[in-house]
């Protein structure tokens, strides 16, 4: 999935911090599984 969305994928230590990301607390988010975009119904 990262190859398909490379512009918006960041590693844990390289995430862009914005006022919205601070509000949502994205620094605590983890992705455990991402299905292939072609297999999404």
Protein backbone atom coordinates (compact mmCIF):
# COMPACT_ATOMS: atom_id res chain seq x y z
CA UNK A 1 0.00 0.00 0.00
CA UNK A 2 2.84 2.37 0.73
CA UNK A 3 4.06 2.11 -2.86
CA UNK A 4 0.58 3.06 -4.08
CA UNK A 5 0.32 6.01 -1.70
CA UNK A 6 3.98 6.94 -1.34
CA UNK A 7 3.24 10.68 -1.09
CA UNK A 8 1.24 10.16 2.10
CA UNK A 9 3.23 7.34 3.74
CA UNK A 10 5.70 8.19 6.47
CA UNK A 11 7.63 6.09 8.91
CA UNK A 12 6.88 6.46 12.62
CA UNK A 13 9.73 8.90 13.23
CA UNK A 14 9.18 10.98 10.07
CA UNK A 15 5.49 11.86 10.29
CA UNK A 16 4.60 15.44 9.46
CA UNK A 17 3.20 17.23 12.50
CA UNK A 18 0.30 19.63 11.96
CA UNK A 19 -2.32 21.14 14.26
CA UNK A 20 -4.76 18.46 13.04
CA UNK A 21 -2.32 15.61 13.64
CA UNK A 22 -1.74 16.92 17.18
CA UNK A 23 -5.52 17.04 17.81
CA UNK A 24 -6.06 13.52 16.43
CA UNK A 25 -2.99 12.13 18.18
CA UNK A 26 -1.68 10.38 15.04
CA UNK A 27 1.71 9.84 16.68
CA UNK A 28 -0.03 7.04 18.60
CA UNK A 29 -1.62 5.38 15.53
CA UNK A 30 -0.39 2.02 14.22
CA UNK A 31 -1.36 0.18 11.05
CA UNK A 32 -1.39 -3.57 11.60
CA UNK A 33 -2.79 -4.69 8.22
CA UNK A 34 -3.50 -3.02 4.92
CA UNK A 35 -5.22 -5.05 2.18
CA UNK A 36 -4.10 -4.62 -1.39
CA UNK A 37 -6.10 -1.66 -2.84
CA UNK A 38 -7.15 -3.90 -5.76
CA UNK A 39 -8.87 -6.28 -3.31
CA UNK A 40 -11.00 -3.66 -1.54
CA UNK A 41 -14.69 -4.26 -2.20
